């Protein structure tokens, strides 16, 4: 029942009291007053506390999850960047130093193990490449040295067999034989010198100079050829060794001269362009050309399309160009001519360029 006087609900309970004879002697009345609004208020209060505590716990959980995931993401991203940078041509891939004993520790161990395996494979590959290169070089040297030795041997044997001290032309024959021997010895010396130059290029002495003027001086040596020079600027500066540039241009122009087509006049065009911080040197001829399937072989140490020579000129050219972080490429058409394109960084400080401007 609801009691308006006290603004509360009343719940009544009754109990019958009995004596020893189990006869009812009294009735006990237990009134119980309670207010539903108070219960609802207390329930709402505790419900708010529970919601607040849950929100705080959830916020702390989200914050901890963000910190953990952020650290994990940074570590994984770092590992990913290191792994992506690994190539067979990288000088020295570094292992990851990670000392925490967690799930990523196994990934780091696997990565470091892979680094050691890559280093071992690189060393083996490098050793095999060097071994193969020296084997090919030895074969080429033996081949080139053997060529002049055979006619030398035959000349001496023939002279010994026909030698007659009483022959009135014996002096002339000795001179003739001596000339043949000297020519063949000079050829052997040329072979040795060519391979020596290929094995060890001179030490670089860089200096800033005008490419246009230097190339003009170089092509003046080939005065018997029609060589035309063009440039997109009056003065183009480069920081490199003049001897290197001279060897590069001289070798390619010499090849252009030797690749002449007998059916037409040989013309060589040398173009120099400056494109931002790179210098492009193009040497074009109208010679016999090179088949497309031989484009890559022309830079091999033992490749030559000429009847004489060691086939090392273009190999040295490529090595010198690559020493300066440059690139060299070739395009050719049989019966039309060949074009060599060399791209080199200028490497000239901005202060020097400002002085020229």
Protein backbone atom coordinates (compact mmCIF):
# COMPACT_ATOMS: atom_id res chain seq x y z
CA UNK A 1 0.00 0.00 0.00
CA UNK A 2 1.01 3.62 -0.50
CA UNK A 3 1.04 5.93 2.50
CA UNK A 4 0.58 9.56 1.47
CA UNK A 5 1.58 10.84 4.92
CA UNK A 6 5.14 9.54 4.63
CA UNK A 7 5.37 9.40 0.77
CA UNK A 8 6.47 5.78 0.74
CA UNK A 9 5.24 2.34 -0.02
CA UNK A 10 4.32 0.15 2.97
CA UNK A 11 4.78 -3.57 2.97
CA UNK A 12 3.17 -5.38 5.94
CA UNK A 13 4.26 -8.70 7.39
CA UNK A 14 2.48 -10.65 10.20
CA UNK A 15 3.65 -13.47 12.44
CA UNK A 16 1.54 -15.54 14.85
CA UNK A 17 3.11 -16.18 18.30
CA UNK A 18 2.14 -19.41 20.11
CA UNK A 19 2.69 -20.66 23.63
CA UNK A 20 4.01 -23.99 24.76
CA UNK A 21 0.65 -25.53 24.13
CA UNK A 22 0.78 -24.22 20.55
CA UNK A 23 -2.11 -21.93 21.18
CA UNK A 24 -2.09 -18.51 19.44
CA UNK A 25 -1.48 -15.84 22.01
CA UNK A 26 -0.48 -12.82 19.84
CA UNK A 27 0.05 -11.52 16.33
CA UNK A 28 3.22 -9.52 15.57
CA UNK A 29 2.95 -6.84 12.93
CA UNK A 30 6.06 -5.90 10.88
CA UNK A 31 5.60 -2.79 8.69
CA UNK A 32 8.34 -2.20 5.97
CA UNK A 33 8.57 1.23 4.43
CA UNK A 34 10.43 1.79 1.15
CA UNK A 35 10.66 4.60 -1.46
CA UNK A 36 11.00 3.51 -5.16
CA UNK A 37 12.30 6.94 -6.17
CA UNK A 38 15.22 6.53 -3.80
CA UNK A 39 16.04 3.16 -5.31
CA UNK A 40 15.90 4.62 -8.83
CA UNK A 41 18.14 7.53 -7.79
CA UNK A 42 20.70 5.17 -6.25
CA UNK A 43 20.48 2.89 -9.31
CA UNK A 44 21.04 5.85 -11.67
CA UNK A 45 23.96 7.04 -9.55
CA UNK A 46 25.68 3.66 -9.64
CA UNK A 47 24.87 3.28 -13.34
CA UNK A 48 26.59 6.60 -14.08
CA UNK A 49 29.61 5.46 -12.06
CA UNK A 50 29.73 2.19 -14.01
CA UNK A 51 29.45 3.98 -17.38
CA UNK A 52 32.16 6.48 -16.39
CA UNK A 53 34.50 3.72 -15.24
CA UNK A 54 33.86 1.77 -18.45
CA UNK A 55 34.55 4.83 -20.59
CA UNK A 56 37.80 5.47 -18.72
CA UNK A 57 38.84 1.84 -19.11
CA UNK A 58 37.98 1.90 -22.83
CA UNK A 59 39.87 5.19 -23.33
CA UNK A 60 42.93 3.81 -21.53
CA UNK A 61 42.69 0.64 -23.62
CA UNK A 62 42.48 2.62 -26.85
CA UNK A 63 45.43 4.80 -25.80
CA UNK A 64 47.55 1.77 -24.88
CA UNK A 65 46.55 0.02 -28.12
CA UNK A 66 47.52 3.10 -30.12
CA UNK A 67 50.93 3.32 -28.44
CA UNK A 68 51.59 -0.39 -28.92
CA UNK A 69 50.38 -0.44 -32.52
CA UNK A 70 52.28 2.76 -33.32
CA UNK A 71 55.54 1.34 -31.95
CA UNK A 72 54.88 -1.92 -33.76
CA UNK A 73 54.11 -0.12 -37.01
CA UNK A 74 57.28 1.98 -36.75
CA UNK A 75 59.38 -1.12 -36.14
CA UNK A 76 57.77 -3.04 -39.01
CA UNK A 77 58.11 -0.02 -41.33
CA UNK A 78 61.80 0.28 -40.43
CA UNK A 79 62.33 -3.40 -41.11
CA UNK A 80 60.44 -3.10 -44.40
CA UNK A 81 62.58 -0.16 -45.55
CA UNK A 82 65.77 -2.03 -44.69
CA UNK A 83 64.60 -5.14 -46.52
CA UNK A 84 63.53 -3.13 -49.59
CA UNK A 85 66.99 -1.54 -49.76
CA UNK A 86 68.71 -4.90 -49.94
CA UNK A 87 70.08 -5.65 -53.40
CA UNK A 88 72.94 -7.76 -54.67
CA UNK A 89 74.73 -4.54 -55.64
CA UNK A 90 74.47 -2.82 -52.25
CA UNK A 91 77.92 -2.35 -50.78
CA UNK A 92 77.25 -3.47 -47.21
CA UNK A 93 73.69 -4.20 -46.02
CA UNK A 94 73.63 -3.66 -42.28
CA UNK A 95 71.97 -6.01 -39.76
CA UNK A 96 69.22 -4.70 -37.49
CA UNK A 97 70.05 -4.14 -33.82
CA UNK A 98 66.95 -5.07 -31.87
CA UNK A 99 67.25 -6.14 -28.22
CA UNK A 100 63.61 -6.50 -27.13
CA UNK A 101 62.38 -10.01 -26.47
CA UNK A 102 59.03 -9.87 -28.28
CA UNK A 103 57.34 -11.16 -31.39
CA UNK A 104 59.51 -8.99 -33.67
CA UNK A 105 62.68 -10.49 -32.27
CA UNK A 106 62.23 -13.61 -34.41
CA UNK A 107 61.69 -11.45 -37.52
CA UNK A 108 64.89 -9.53 -36.79
CA UNK A 109 66.84 -12.75 -36.30
CA UNK A 110 65.55 -14.08 -39.62
CA UNK A 111 66.47 -10.80 -41.35
CA UNK A 112 69.99 -10.75 -39.90
CA UNK A 113 70.47 -14.37 -40.92
CA UNK A 114 69.39 -13.47 -44.45
CA UNK A 115 71.90 -10.59 -44.47
CA UNK A 116 74.75 -12.98 -43.63
CA UNK A 117 73.62 -15.36 -46.35
CA UNK A 118 73.46 -12.52 -48.89
CA UNK A 119 76.98 -11.40 -47.95
CA UNK A 120 78.28 -14.93 -48.37
CA UNK A 121 76.56 -15.29 -51.74
CA UNK A 122 77.91 -11.91 -52.88
CA UNK A 123 81.43 -12.92 -51.94
CA UNK A 124 81.06 -16.19 -53.81
CA UNK A 125 79.54 -14.45 -56.83
CA UNK A 126 82.27 -11.80 -56.81
CA UNK A 127 84.96 -14.47 -56.60
CA UNK A 128 83.41 -16.41 -59.48
CA UNK A 129 83.05 -13.28 -61.60
CA UNK A 130 86.67 -12.31 -61.00
CA UNK A 131 87.80 -15.85 -61.68
CA UNK A 132 85.79 -15.97 -64.90
CA UNK A 133 87.04 -12.52 -65.94
CA UNK A 134 90.68 -13.49 -65.38
CA UNK A 135 90.11 -16.78 -67.20
CA UNK A 136 88.70 -14.93 -70.21
CA UNK A 137 91.49 -12.36 -69.98
CA UNK A 138 94.13 -15.09 -69.88
CA UNK A 139 92.58 -16.78 -72.92
CA UNK A 140 92.55 -13.50 -74.81
CA UNK A 141 96.15 -12.63 -73.87
CA UNK A 142 97.31 -16.10 -74.89
CA UNK A 143 95.44 -15.80 -78.18
CA UNK A 144 96.82 -12.36 -78.99
CA UNK A 145 100.40 -13.28 -78.02
CA UNK A 146 100.26 -16.54 -79.95
CA UNK A 147 99.36 -14.75 -83.20
CA UNK A 148 102.76 -12.99 -83.64
CA UNK A 149 104.75 -15.89 -82.15
CA UNK A 150 103.75 -18.26 -84.96
CA UNK A 151 105.13 -16.13 -87.85
CA UNK A 152 108.23 -15.38 -85.75
CA UNK A 153 108.90 -19.08 -85.32
CA UNK A 154 108.30 -19.82 -89.00
CA UNK A 155 110.54 -16.94 -90.07
CA UNK A 156 113.45 -18.12 -87.92
CA UNK A 157 113.04 -21.74 -89.01
CA UNK A 158 112.92 -20.74 -92.67
CA UNK A 159 115.94 -18.49 -92.30
CA UNK A 160 117.91 -21.22 -90.51
CA UNK A 161 117.05 -23.76 -93.21
CA UNK A 162 118.08 -21.45 -96.06
CA UNK A 163 120.99 -19.76 -94.34
CA UNK A 164 124.10 -19.54 -96.55
CA UNK A 165 127.03 -17.38 -95.34
CA UNK A 166 128.33 -17.18 -98.89
CA UNK A 167 125.08 -15.77 -100.25
CA UNK A 168 125.79 -12.23 -101.56
CA UNK A 169 122.30 -11.15 -100.40
CA UNK A 170 122.74 -12.51 -96.89
CA UNK A 171 122.96 -9.02 -95.39
CA UNK A 172 119.69 -7.96 -97.02
CA UNK A 173 118.00 -11.17 -95.91
CA UNK A 174 119.17 -10.64 -92.31
CA UNK A 175 117.79 -7.10 -92.36
CA UNK A 176 114.51 -8.34 -93.78
CA UNK A 177 114.24 -11.04 -91.13
CA UNK A 178 115.17 -8.56 -88.39
CA UNK A 179 112.45 -6.18 -89.55
CA UNK A 180 109.86 -8.96 -89.50
CA UNK A 181 110.97 -9.99 -86.00
CA UNK A 182 110.93 -6.41 -84.71
CA UNK A 183 107.45 -5.83 -86.15
CA UNK A 184 106.14 -8.97 -84.46
CA UNK A 185 107.83 -8.05 -81.17
CA UNK A 186 106.25 -4.60 -81.39
CA UNK A 187 102.90 -6.30 -81.87
CA UNK A 188 103.44 -8.39 -78.73
CA UNK A 189 104.39 -5.20 -76.85
CA UNK A 190 101.23 -3.53 -78.15
CA UNK A 191 99.13 -6.43 -76.88
CA UNK A 192 100.80 -6.29 -73.45
CA UNK A 193 100.40 -2.51 -73.30
CA UNK A 194 96.73 -2.69 -74.26
CA UNK A 195 95.93 -5.22 -71.55
CA UNK A 196 98.00 -3.26 -69.05
CA UNK A 197 95.98 -0.13 -69.77
CA UNK A 198 92.75 -2.08 -69.46
CA UNK A 199 93.74 -3.65 -66.15
CA UNK A 200 94.82 -0.38 -64.56
CA UNK A 201 93.65 3.01 -65.72
CA UNK A 202 95.72 6.04 -64.63
CA UNK A 203 94.84 7.82 -61.42
CA UNK A 204 92.23 10.49 -61.96
CA UNK A 205 93.18 14.15 -61.62
CA UNK A 206 89.96 16.11 -61.84
CA UNK A 207 89.85 19.70 -62.95
CA UNK A 208 87.18 22.10 -64.22
CA UNK A 209 87.48 22.80 -67.93
CA UNK A 210 85.42 23.61 -71.01
CA UNK A 211 84.19 20.41 -72.70
CA UNK A 212 83.65 22.17 -76.03
CA UNK A 213 87.20 23.46 -76.28
CA UNK A 214 88.74 20.17 -75.13
CA UNK A 215 86.79 18.08 -77.65
CA UNK A 216 87.70 20.53 -80.43
CA UNK A 217 91.37 20.04 -79.54
CA UNK A 218 90.93 16.26 -79.59
CA UNK A 219 89.25 16.04 -83.00
CA UNK A 220 91.92 18.24 -84.57
CA UNK A 221 94.16 15.15 -84.42
CA UNK A 222 91.94 13.53 -87.04
CA UNK A 223 92.58 16.20 -89.63
CA UNK A 224 92.14 13.76 -92.52
CA UNK A 225 88.49 13.14 -91.62
CA UNK A 226 85.37 15.24 -92.05
CA UNK A 227 84.42 15.72 -88.41
CA UNK A 228 81.78 18.32 -87.56
CA UNK A 229 81.34 19.68 -84.04
CA UNK A 230 78.10 21.11 -82.61
CA UNK A 231 77.10 22.32 -79.15
CA UNK A 232 73.97 23.87 -77.66
CA UNK A 233 76.08 26.26 -75.53
CA UNK A 234 79.21 28.28 -76.15
CA UNK A 235 80.83 27.03 -72.96
CA UNK A 236 80.04 23.84 -71.02
CA UNK A 237 82.05 23.17 -67.87
CA UNK A 238 82.82 19.74 -66.44
CA UNK A 239 84.85 18.54 -63.47
CA UNK A 240 86.80 15.45 -64.55
CA UNK A 241 90.18 14.22 -65.81
CA UNK A 242 91.12 15.56 -69.24
CA UNK A 243 92.98 12.34 -70.07
CA UNK A 244 89.85 10.31 -69.41
CA UNK A 245 87.75 12.53 -71.68
CA UNK A 246 90.46 12.41 -74.36
CA UNK A 247 90.59 8.60 -74.27
CA UNK A 248 86.80 8.33 -74.39
CA UNK A 249 86.41 10.60 -77.41
CA UNK A 250 89.54 9.35 -79.19
CA UNK A 251 88.51 5.69 -78.93
CA UNK A 252 84.99 6.27 -80.24
CA UNK A 253 86.13 8.56 -83.08
CA UNK A 254 88.81 6.02 -84.02
CA UNK A 255 86.16 3.31 -84.19
CA UNK A 256 84.02 5.60 -86.33
CA UNK A 257 86.95 6.11 -88.73
CA UNK A 258 87.62 2.38 -88.97
CA UNK A 259 83.93 1.62 -89.59
CA UNK A 260 83.87 3.70 -92.79
CA UNK A 261 81.79 2.53 -95.72
CA UNK A 262 83.95 2.36 -98.85
CA UNK A 263 80.99 3.33 -101.02
CA UNK A 264 80.58 6.83 -99.54
CA UNK A 265 82.56 9.60 -97.88
CA UNK A 266 83.00 9.13 -94.16
CA UNK A 267 81.37 11.86 -92.07
CA UNK A 268 81.47 12.06 -88.27
CA UNK A 269 79.27 14.38 -86.19
CA UNK A 270 80.19 15.20 -82.59
CA UNK A 271 77.39 16.90 -80.62
CA UNK A 272 77.63 18.20 -77.05
CA UNK A 273 74.58 19.24 -75.03
CA UNK A 274 74.11 20.41 -71.47
CA UNK A 275 70.83 19.25 -69.96
CA UNK A 276 70.49 20.61 -66.44
CA UNK A 277 73.38 19.01 -64.51
CA UNK A 278 74.32 16.40 -67.11
CA UNK A 279 76.45 16.60 -70.25
CA UNK A 280 75.41 14.54 -73.26
CA UNK A 281 78.12 13.73 -75.84
CA UNK A 282 76.90 12.13 -79.08
CA UNK A 283 79.29 10.78 -81.72
CA UNK A 284 77.60 9.69 -84.95
CA UNK A 285 79.08 8.22 -88.11
CA UNK A 286 77.71 7.04 -91.45
CA UNK A 287 79.77 3.85 -91.57
CA UNK A 288 78.87 0.23 -92.11
CA UNK A 289 76.92 -0.01 -88.82
CA UNK A 290 76.61 -2.75 -86.22
CA UNK A 291 73.98 -5.52 -86.19
CA UNK A 292 71.51 -5.11 -83.32
CA UNK A 293 72.35 -8.51 -81.85
CA UNK A 294 75.94 -7.30 -81.28
CA UNK A 295 75.03 -4.10 -79.37
CA UNK A 296 75.83 -5.58 -75.98
CA UNK A 297 78.89 -7.53 -77.15
CA UNK A 298 80.77 -4.48 -78.38
CA UNK A 299 81.68 -3.63 -74.78
CA UNK A 300 83.08 -7.08 -74.03
CA UNK A 301 86.86 -7.22 -73.42
CA UNK A 302 87.55 -9.74 -76.17
CA UNK A 303 85.09 -8.53 -78.79
CA UNK A 304 86.27 -6.80 -81.95
CA UNK A 305 84.82 -6.60 -85.43
CA UNK A 306 88.16 -5.58 -86.93
CA UNK A 307 90.71 -7.93 -88.38
CA UNK A 308 93.34 -6.65 -85.95
CA UNK A 309 93.35 -5.23 -82.47
CA UNK A 310 92.55 -6.45 -78.99
CA UNK A 311 88.94 -5.28 -78.76
CA UNK A 312 89.61 -3.41 -75.51
CA UNK A 313 89.00 0.19 -76.60
CA UNK A 314 85.25 0.32 -75.99
CA UNK A 315 85.62 -1.73 -72.82
CA UNK A 316 87.97 0.90 -71.41
CA UNK A 317 85.63 3.64 -72.60
CA UNK A 318 82.71 2.12 -70.69
CA UNK A 319 84.87 1.64 -67.59
CA UNK A 320 86.02 5.27 -67.66
CA UNK A 321 82.47 6.54 -68.19
CA UNK A 322 81.15 4.43 -65.31
CA UNK A 323 84.00 5.65 -63.08
CA UNK A 324 82.38 9.09 -63.34
CA UNK A 325 78.87 7.73 -62.65
CA UNK A 326 77.99 8.15 -66.32
CA UNK A 327 76.23 6.02 -68.90
CA UNK A 328 77.08 4.98 -72.45
CA UNK A 329 74.72 3.53 -75.04
CA UNK A 330 74.87 2.70 -78.75
CA UNK A 331 72.38 2.66 -81.61
CA UNK A 332 73.21 1.47 -85.07
CA UNK A 333 71.71 0.42 -88.38
CA UNK A 334 73.57 -1.81 -90.79
CA UNK A 335 74.60 0.19 -93.85
CA UNK A 336 73.58 3.54 -92.29
CA UNK A 337 75.92 4.18 -89.38
CA UNK A 338 76.38 4.09 -85.63
CA UNK A 339 75.66 6.56 -82.83
CA UNK A 340 77.34 6.47 -79.41
CA UNK A 341 75.69 8.51 -76.65
CA UNK A 342 77.57 9.33 -73.45
CA UNK A 343 75.89 10.93 -70.44
CA UNK A 344 78.15 12.41 -67.76
CA UNK A 345 77.40 14.47 -64.63
CA UNK A 346 79.01 17.91 -64.81
CA UNK A 347 80.04 17.80 -61.10
CA UNK A 348 80.81 21.52 -61.29
CA UNK A 349 80.08 23.49 -58.08
CA UNK A 350 77.45 26.18 -58.35
CA UNK A 351 80.04 28.84 -57.43
CA UNK A 352 82.06 28.00 -60.53
CA UNK A 353 78.95 28.14 -62.71
CA UNK A 354 78.03 31.54 -61.24
CA UNK A 355 81.50 32.80 -62.10
CA UNK A 356 81.01 31.75 -65.73
CA UNK A 357 77.55 33.30 -65.95
